[in-house]
């Protein structure tokens, strides 16, 4: 896989699984009494923490696999199943419980500071996003691609902040039907990526057996 292809795959996959567009309604619901400036600060902290969590798990992923005696192919198959579940929920126009539960959203609404939890974790940097980052790190074929992944994580966090900023200034008035359509299209794309991850892992296992 070439550098450009890997970069595009990494950005689209991570952006779809982080899914900041679907987080916007919860973000606004959890910050009803905050000023625009306070909301922007909450979004800034949440996106920064989410990026930091993804950085940390991506860096430590291989050490964790070695400690648990888990092969990268096995984790990739498990991660693809999780991503497929999230994708199927997105195709039905709903936010997956694998990303966050209704109880976590309600608990967040009762908190004064929601930036770190539940907004950053698990809404933005949840199990799906962490698994995706680890899988993409394993698929990197060179040091340049691995470094590119960290840039992509930062870029996804920056774009997510931009979406929250637009929401604060009124883009949440966009038709819910349009948002659901976008969510379903992103779910279809994520399902295809999840299947491809599983196929790649199976190919690795066959290569090890031969």
C-alpha atoms as a PDB file:
ATOM      1  CA  UNK A   1       0.000   0.000   0.000  1.00  0.00           C
ATOM      2  CA  UNK A   2       1.452   3.341  -1.064  1.00  0.00           C
ATOM      3  CA  UNK A   3       1.805   6.360   1.222  1.00  0.00           C
ATOM      4  CA  UNK A   4      -1.061   8.329  -0.342  1.00  0.00           C
ATOM      5  CA  UNK A   5      -3.408   5.346  -0.308  1.00  0.00           C
ATOM      6  CA  UNK A   6      -2.534   4.631   3.331  1.00  0.00           C
ATOM      7  CA  UNK A   7      -3.064   8.281   4.297  1.00  0.00           C
ATOM      8  CA  UNK A   8      -6.498   8.437   2.659  1.00  0.00           C
ATOM      9  CA  UNK A   9      -7.530   5.104   4.194  1.00  0.00           C
ATOM     10  CA  UNK A  10      -6.353   6.186   7.654  1.00  0.00           C
ATOM     11  CA  UNK A  11      -8.128   9.541   7.593  1.00  0.00           C
ATOM     12  CA  UNK A  12     -11.442   8.309   6.187  1.00  0.00           C
ATOM     13  CA  UNK A  13     -11.580   5.294   8.490  1.00  0.00           C
ATOM     14  CA  UNK A  14     -10.683   7.208  11.655  1.00  0.00           C
ATOM     15  CA  UNK A  15     -13.008  10.095  10.830  1.00  0.00           C
ATOM     16  CA  UNK A  16     -15.907   7.729  10.205  1.00  0.00           C
ATOM     17  CA  UNK A  17     -15.364   5.779  13.428  1.00  0.00           C
ATOM     18  CA  UNK A  18     -14.816   8.888  15.582  1.00  0.00           C
ATOM     19  CA  UNK A  19     -17.962  10.279  13.904  1.00  0.00           C
ATOM     20  CA  UNK A  20     -17.974  13.801  15.389  1.00  0.00           C
ATOM     21  CA  UNK A  21     -21.095  14.740  13.403  1.00  0.00           C
ATOM     22  CA  UNK A  22     -23.135  12.190  15.352  1.00  0.00           C
ATOM     23  CA  UNK A  23     -21.648  13.437  18.649  1.00  0.00           C
ATOM     24  CA  UNK A  24     -22.838  17.021  18.044  1.00  0.00           C
ATOM     25  CA  UNK A  25     -26.391  16.537  19.454  1.00  0.00           C
ATOM     26  CA  UNK A  26     -25.015  14.981  22.659  1.00  0.00           C
ATOM     27  CA  UNK A  27     -22.369  17.719  22.911  1.00  0.00           C
ATOM     28  CA  UNK A  28     -25.015  20.441  22.707  1.00  0.00           C
ATOM     29  CA  UNK A  29     -27.330  18.595  25.114  1.00  0.00           C
ATOM     30  CA  UNK A  30     -24.572  18.250  27.712  1.00  0.00           C
ATOM     31  CA  UNK A  31     -23.595  21.940  27.570  1.00  0.00           C
ATOM     32  CA  UNK A  32     -26.938  23.806  27.530  1.00  0.00           C
ATOM     33  CA  UNK A  33     -25.957  26.418  30.114  1.00  0.00           C
ATOM     34  CA  UNK A  34     -22.484  27.163  28.764  1.00  0.00           C
ATOM     35  CA  UNK A  35     -21.652  30.261  26.764  1.00  0.00           C
ATOM     36  CA  UNK A  36     -20.326  29.910  23.229  1.00  0.00           C
ATOM     37  CA  UNK A  37     -16.798  30.526  24.470  1.00  0.00           C
ATOM     38  CA  UNK A  38     -17.145  27.897  27.210  1.00  0.00           C
ATOM     39  CA  UNK A  39     -18.550  25.389  24.722  1.00  0.00           C
ATOM     40  CA  UNK A  40     -15.628  25.985  22.392  1.00  0.00           C
ATOM     41  CA  UNK A  41     -13.213  25.432  25.278  1.00  0.00           C
ATOM     42  CA  UNK A  42     -15.004  22.183  26.172  1.00  0.00           C
ATOM     43  CA  UNK A  43     -14.736  21.015  22.571  1.00  0.00           C
ATOM     44  CA  UNK A  44     -11.054  21.997  22.429  1.00  0.00           C
ATOM     45  CA  UNK A  45     -10.209  20.020  25.565  1.00  0.00           C
ATOM     46  CA  UNK A  46     -12.269  17.012  24.464  1.00  0.00           C
ATOM     47  CA  UNK A  47     -10.631  16.791  21.049  1.00  0.00           C
ATOM     48  CA  UNK A  48      -7.149  17.232  22.538  1.00  0.00           C
ATOM     49  CA  UNK A  49      -7.727  14.497  25.121  1.00  0.00           C
ATOM     50  CA  UNK A  50      -9.207  12.172  22.496  1.00  0.00           C
ATOM     51  CA  UNK A  51      -6.130  12.634  20.313  1.00  0.00           C
ATOM     52  CA  UNK A  52      -3.866  12.004  23.307  1.00  0.00           C
ATOM     53  CA  UNK A  53      -5.693   8.775  24.166  1.00  0.00           C
ATOM     54  CA  UNK A  54      -5.387   7.525  20.588  1.00  0.00           C
ATOM     55  CA  UNK A  55      -1.688   8.486  20.524  1.00  0.00           C
ATOM     56  CA  UNK A  56      -1.053   6.582  23.762  1.00  0.00           C
ATOM     57  CA  UNK A  57      -2.844   3.394  22.749  1.00  0.00           C
ATOM     58  CA  UNK A  58      -1.253   3.423  19.307  1.00  0.00           C
ATOM     59  CA  UNK A  59       2.244   3.732  20.790  1.00  0.00           C
ATOM     60  CA  UNK A  60       1.673   1.121  23.502  1.00  0.00           C
ATOM     61  CA  UNK A  61      -0.374  -1.268  21.373  1.00  0.00           C
ATOM     62  CA  UNK A  62       2.421  -3.612  20.306  1.00  0.00           C
ATOM     63  CA  UNK A  63       3.747  -3.910  23.873  1.00  0.00           C
ATOM     64  CA  UNK A  64       0.245  -4.772  25.091  1.00  0.00           C
ATOM     65  CA  UNK A  65      -0.092  -7.455  22.400  1.00  0.00           C
ATOM     66  CA  UNK A  66       3.221  -9.008  23.397  1.00  0.00           C
ATOM     67  CA  UNK A  67       2.285  -8.998  27.081  1.00  0.00           C
ATOM     68  CA  UNK A  68      -1.081 -10.656  26.389  1.00  0.00           C
ATOM     69  CA  UNK A  69       0.368 -13.001  23.739  1.00  0.00           C
ATOM     70  CA  UNK A  70      -2.171 -11.750  21.185  1.00  0.00           C
ATOM     71  CA  UNK A  71      -1.199 -11.812  17.525  1.00  0.00           C
ATOM     72  CA  UNK A  72      -1.834  -8.687  15.410  1.00  0.00           C
ATOM     73  CA  UNK A  73      -4.010 -10.751  13.052  1.00  0.00           C
ATOM     74  CA  UNK A  74      -6.211 -11.931  15.937  1.00  0.00           C
ATOM     75  CA  UNK A  75      -6.664  -8.386  17.183  1.00  0.00           C
ATOM     76  CA  UNK A  76      -7.395  -7.187  13.658  1.00  0.00           C
ATOM     77  CA  UNK A  77     -10.188  -9.741  13.265  1.00  0.00           C
ATOM     78  CA  UNK A  78     -11.643  -8.807  16.677  1.00  0.00           C
ATOM     79  CA  UNK A  79     -11.409  -5.117  15.798  1.00  0.00           C
ATOM     80  CA  UNK A  80     -13.107  -5.653  12.449  1.00  0.00           C
ATOM     81  CA  UNK A  81     -16.041  -7.349  14.205  1.00  0.00           C
ATOM     82  CA  UNK A  82     -16.401  -4.365  16.535  1.00  0.00           C
ATOM     83  CA  UNK A  83     -16.230  -1.923  13.621  1.00  0.00           C
ATOM     84  CA  UNK A  84     -18.809  -3.939  11.689  1.00  0.00           C
ATOM     85  CA  UNK A  85     -21.189  -3.800  14.647  1.00  0.00           C
ATOM     86  CA  UNK A  86     -20.807  -0.020  14.854  1.00  0.00           C
ATOM     87  CA  UNK A  87     -21.272   0.271  11.080  1.00  0.00           C
ATOM     88  CA  UNK A  88     -24.514  -1.735  11.167  1.00  0.00           C
ATOM     89  CA  UNK A  89     -25.895   0.575  13.869  1.00  0.00           C
ATOM     90  CA  UNK A  90     -24.926   3.582  11.758  1.00  0.00           C
ATOM     91  CA  UNK A  91     -26.717   2.079   8.759  1.00  0.00           C
ATOM     92  CA  UNK A  92     -29.843   1.970  10.924  1.00  0.00           C
ATOM     93  CA  UNK A  93     -29.403   5.664  11.683  1.00  0.00           C
ATOM     94  CA  UNK A  94     -28.377   5.341  15.307  1.00  0.00           C
ATOM     95  CA  UNK A  95     -25.297   5.864  17.455  1.00  0.00           C
ATOM     96  CA  UNK A  96     -23.881   2.499  18.517  1.00  0.00           C
ATOM     97  CA  UNK A  97     -23.798   1.455  22.173  1.00  0.00           C
ATOM     98  CA  UNK A  98     -20.258   0.260  21.412  1.00  0.00           C
ATOM     99  CA  UNK A  99     -19.298   3.940  21.203  1.00  0.00           C
ATOM    100  CA  UNK A 100     -21.236   5.162  24.230  1.00  0.00           C
ATOM    101  CA  UNK A 101     -24.405   4.157  26.059  1.00  0.00           C
ATOM    102  CA  UNK A 102     -27.463   6.280  26.810  1.00  0.00           C
ATOM    103  CA  UNK A 103     -26.539   6.074  30.491  1.00  0.00           C
ATOM    104  CA  UNK A 104     -23.163   7.673  29.773  1.00  0.00           C
ATOM    105  CA  UNK A 105     -24.819  10.502  27.843  1.00  0.00           C
ATOM    106  CA  UNK A 106     -27.326  11.124  30.652  1.00  0.00           C
ATOM    107  CA  UNK A 107     -24.553  11.032  33.256  1.00  0.00           C
ATOM    108  CA  UNK A 108     -22.577  13.511  31.186  1.00  0.00           C
ATOM    109  CA  UNK A 109     -25.532  15.882  31.033  1.00  0.00           C
ATOM    110  CA  UNK A 110     -25.538  16.005  34.830  1.00  0.00           C
ATOM    111  CA  UNK A 111     -21.825  16.845  35.070  1.00  0.00           C
ATOM    112  CA  UNK A 112     -20.355  20.323  35.117  1.00  0.00           C
ATOM    113  CA  UNK A 113     -17.247  19.316  33.145  1.00  0.00           C
ATOM    114  CA  UNK A 114     -17.964  16.880  30.319  1.00  0.00           C
ATOM    115  CA  UNK A 115     -14.865  17.509  28.207  1.00  0.00           C
ATOM    116  CA  UNK A 116     -12.795  14.511  29.324  1.00  0.00           C
ATOM    117  CA  UNK A 117     -15.624  12.145  30.198  1.00  0.00           C
ATOM    118  CA  UNK A 118     -17.850  11.286  28.457  1.00  0.00           C
ATOM    119  CA  UNK A 119     -17.127  13.579  25.505  1.00  0.00           C
ATOM    120  CA  UNK A 120     -13.469  12.699  24.851  1.00  0.00           C
ATOM    121  CA  UNK A 121     -13.748   9.145  26.191  1.00  0.00           C
ATOM    122  CA  UNK A 122     -15.735   7.210  25.132  1.00  0.00           C
ATOM    123  CA  UNK A 123     -17.669   9.362  22.646  1.00  0.00           C
ATOM    124  CA  UNK A 124     -14.722  10.406  20.483  1.00  0.00           C
ATOM    125  CA  UNK A 125     -11.938   8.031  21.514  1.00  0.00           C
ATOM    126  CA  UNK A 126     -13.964   4.927  22.274  1.00  0.00           C
ATOM    127  CA  UNK A 127     -13.174   1.231  21.767  1.00  0.00           C
ATOM    128  CA  UNK A 128     -13.848   1.479  18.035  1.00  0.00           C
ATOM    129  CA  UNK A 129     -11.489   4.413  17.489  1.00  0.00           C
ATOM    130  CA  UNK A 130      -8.775   2.822  19.632  1.00  0.00           C
ATOM    131  CA  UNK A 131      -9.076  -0.490  17.759  1.00  0.00           C
ATOM    132  CA  UNK A 132      -8.963   1.305  14.409  1.00  0.00           C
ATOM    133  CA  UNK A 133      -5.808   3.219  15.359  1.00  0.00           C
ATOM    134  CA  UNK A 134      -4.075   0.011  16.434  1.00  0.00           C
ATOM    135  CA  UNK A 135      -5.087  -1.837  13.270  1.00  0.00           C
ATOM    136  CA  UNK A 136      -3.902   1.014  11.053  1.00  0.00           C
ATOM    137  CA  UNK A 137      -0.606   1.111  12.952  1.00  0.00           C
ATOM    138  CA  UNK A 138      -0.141  -2.608  12.292  1.00  0.00           C
ATOM    139  CA  UNK A 139      -0.880  -2.117   8.600  1.00  0.00           C
ATOM    140  CA  UNK A 140       1.710   0.639   8.195  1.00  0.00           C
ATOM    141  CA  UNK A 141       4.409  -0.622   5.884  1.00  0.00           C
ATOM    142  CA  UNK A 142       7.071   1.919   6.757  1.00  0.00           C
ATOM    143  CA  UNK A 143       8.194   4.414   9.387  1.00  0.00           C
ATOM    144  CA  UNK A 144       6.792   7.219   7.226  1.00  0.00           C
ATOM    145  CA  UNK A 145       3.344   5.634   7.235  1.00  0.00           C
ATOM    146  CA  UNK A 146       3.468   5.171  11.013  1.00  0.00           C
ATOM    147  CA  UNK A 147       4.380   8.820  11.491  1.00  0.00           C
ATOM    148  CA  UNK A 148       1.641   9.757   9.039  1.00  0.00           C
ATOM    149  CA  UNK A 149      -0.894   7.943  11.214  1.00  0.00           C
ATOM    150  CA  UNK A 150      -0.105  10.237  14.142  1.00  0.00           C
ATOM    151  CA  UNK A 151      -0.551  13.262  11.875  1.00  0.00           C
ATOM    152  CA  UNK A 152      -3.874  11.830  10.714  1.00  0.00           C
ATOM    153  CA  UNK A 153      -5.040  11.354  14.322  1.00  0.00           C
ATOM    154  CA  UNK A 154      -4.220  15.003  15.037  1.00  0.00           C
ATOM    155  CA  UNK A 155      -5.992  16.075  11.843  1.00  0.00           C
ATOM    156  CA  UNK A 156      -9.136  14.101  12.724  1.00  0.00           C
ATOM    157  CA  UNK A 157      -9.139  15.762  16.157  1.00  0.00           C
ATOM    158  CA  UNK A 158      -8.755  19.182  14.509  1.00  0.00           C
ATOM    159  CA  UNK A 159     -11.597  18.530  12.055  1.00  0.00           C
ATOM    160  CA  UNK A 160     -13.754  17.268  14.935  1.00  0.00           C
ATOM    161  CA  UNK A 161     -13.125  20.514  16.802  1.00  0.00           C
ATOM    162  CA  UNK A 162     -14.072  22.444  13.673  1.00  0.00           C
ATOM    163  CA  UNK A 163     -17.379  20.568  13.480  1.00  0.00           C
ATOM    164  CA  UNK A 164     -18.122  21.310  17.142  1.00  0.00           C
ATOM    165  CA  UNK A 165     -17.266  24.963  16.563  1.00  0.00           C
ATOM    166  CA  UNK A 166     -19.694  25.114  13.650  1.00  0.00           C
ATOM    167  CA  UNK A 167     -22.342  23.455  15.818  1.00  0.00           C
ATOM    168  CA  UNK A 168     -21.853  26.074  18.509  1.00  0.00           C
ATOM    169  CA  UNK A 169     -22.499  28.776  15.910  1.00  0.00           C
ATOM    170  CA  UNK A 170     -25.709  27.283  14.630  1.00  0.00           C
ATOM    171  CA  UNK A 171     -25.010  24.462  12.181  1.00  0.00           C
ATOM    172  CA  UNK A 172     -27.033  22.153  14.475  1.00  0.00           C
ATOM    173  CA  UNK A 173     -30.070  23.660  12.764  1.00  0.00           C
ATOM    174  CA  UNK A 174     -29.270  21.544   9.701  1.00  0.00           C
ATOM    175  CA  UNK A 175     -32.034  19.095   8.835  1.00  0.00           C
ATOM    176  CA  UNK A 176     -31.902  15.932  10.995  1.00  0.00           C
ATOM    177  CA  UNK A 177     -32.797  13.972   7.870  1.00  0.00           C
ATOM    178  CA  UNK A 178     -29.613  15.187   6.143  1.00  0.00           C
ATOM    179  CA  UNK A 179     -27.519  14.226   9.168  1.00  0.00           C
ATOM    180  CA  UNK A 180     -29.053  10.740   9.236  1.00  0.00           C
ATOM    181  CA  UNK A 181     -28.336  10.317   5.535  1.00  0.00           C
ATOM    182  CA  UNK A 182     -24.691  11.260   6.042  1.00  0.00           C
ATOM    183  CA  UNK A 183     -24.514   8.899   9.019  1.00  0.00           C
ATOM    184  CA  UNK A 184     -25.853   5.993   6.935  1.00  0.00           C
ATOM    185  CA  UNK A 185     -23.392   6.664   4.125  1.00  0.00           C
ATOM    186  CA  UNK A 186     -20.535   6.754   6.615  1.00  0.00           C
ATOM    187  CA  UNK A 187     -21.814   3.499   8.100  1.00  0.00           C
ATOM    188  CA  UNK A 188     -21.711   1.828   4.688  1.00  0.00           C
ATOM    189  CA  UNK A 189     -18.131   2.991   4.178  1.00  0.00           C
ATOM    190  CA  UNK A 190     -17.132   1.765   7.632  1.00  0.00           C
ATOM    191  CA  UNK A 191     -18.720  -1.654   6.993  1.00  0.00           C
ATOM    192  CA  UNK A 192     -16.640  -2.050   3.842  1.00  0.00           C
ATOM    193  CA  UNK A 193     -13.472  -1.074   5.699  1.00  0.00           C
ATOM    194  CA  UNK A 194     -14.271  -3.527   8.522  1.00  0.00           C
ATOM    195  CA  UNK A 195     -14.691  -6.390   6.059  1.00  0.00           C
ATOM    196  CA  UNK A 196     -11.428  -5.445   4.346  1.00  0.00           C
ATOM    197  CA  UNK A 197      -9.616  -5.451   7.707  1.00  0.00           C
ATOM    198  CA  UNK A 198     -10.916  -8.966   8.370  1.00  0.00           C
ATOM    199  CA  UNK A 199      -9.864 -10.180   4.905  1.00  0.00           C
ATOM    200  CA  UNK A 200      -6.373  -8.731   5.393  1.00  0.00           C
ATOM    201  CA  UNK A 201      -6.062 -10.503   8.752  1.00  0.00           C
ATOM    202  CA  UNK A 202      -7.168 -13.832   7.260  1.00  0.00           C
ATOM    203  CA  UNK A 203      -4.611 -13.399   4.482  1.00  0.00           C
ATOM    204  CA  UNK A 204      -1.916 -12.877   7.152  1.00  0.00           C
ATOM    205  CA  UNK A 205      -2.974 -16.060   8.928  1.00  0.00           C
ATOM    206  CA  UNK A 206      -2.909 -18.070   5.696  1.00  0.00           C
ATOM    207  CA  UNK A 207       0.552 -16.683   4.957  1.00  0.00           C
ATOM    208  CA  UNK A 208       1.781 -17.797   8.377  1.00  0.00           C
ATOM    209  CA  UNK A 209       0.422 -21.310   7.857  1.00  0.00           C
ATOM    210  CA  UNK A 210       1.963 -21.797   4.397  1.00  0.00           C
END
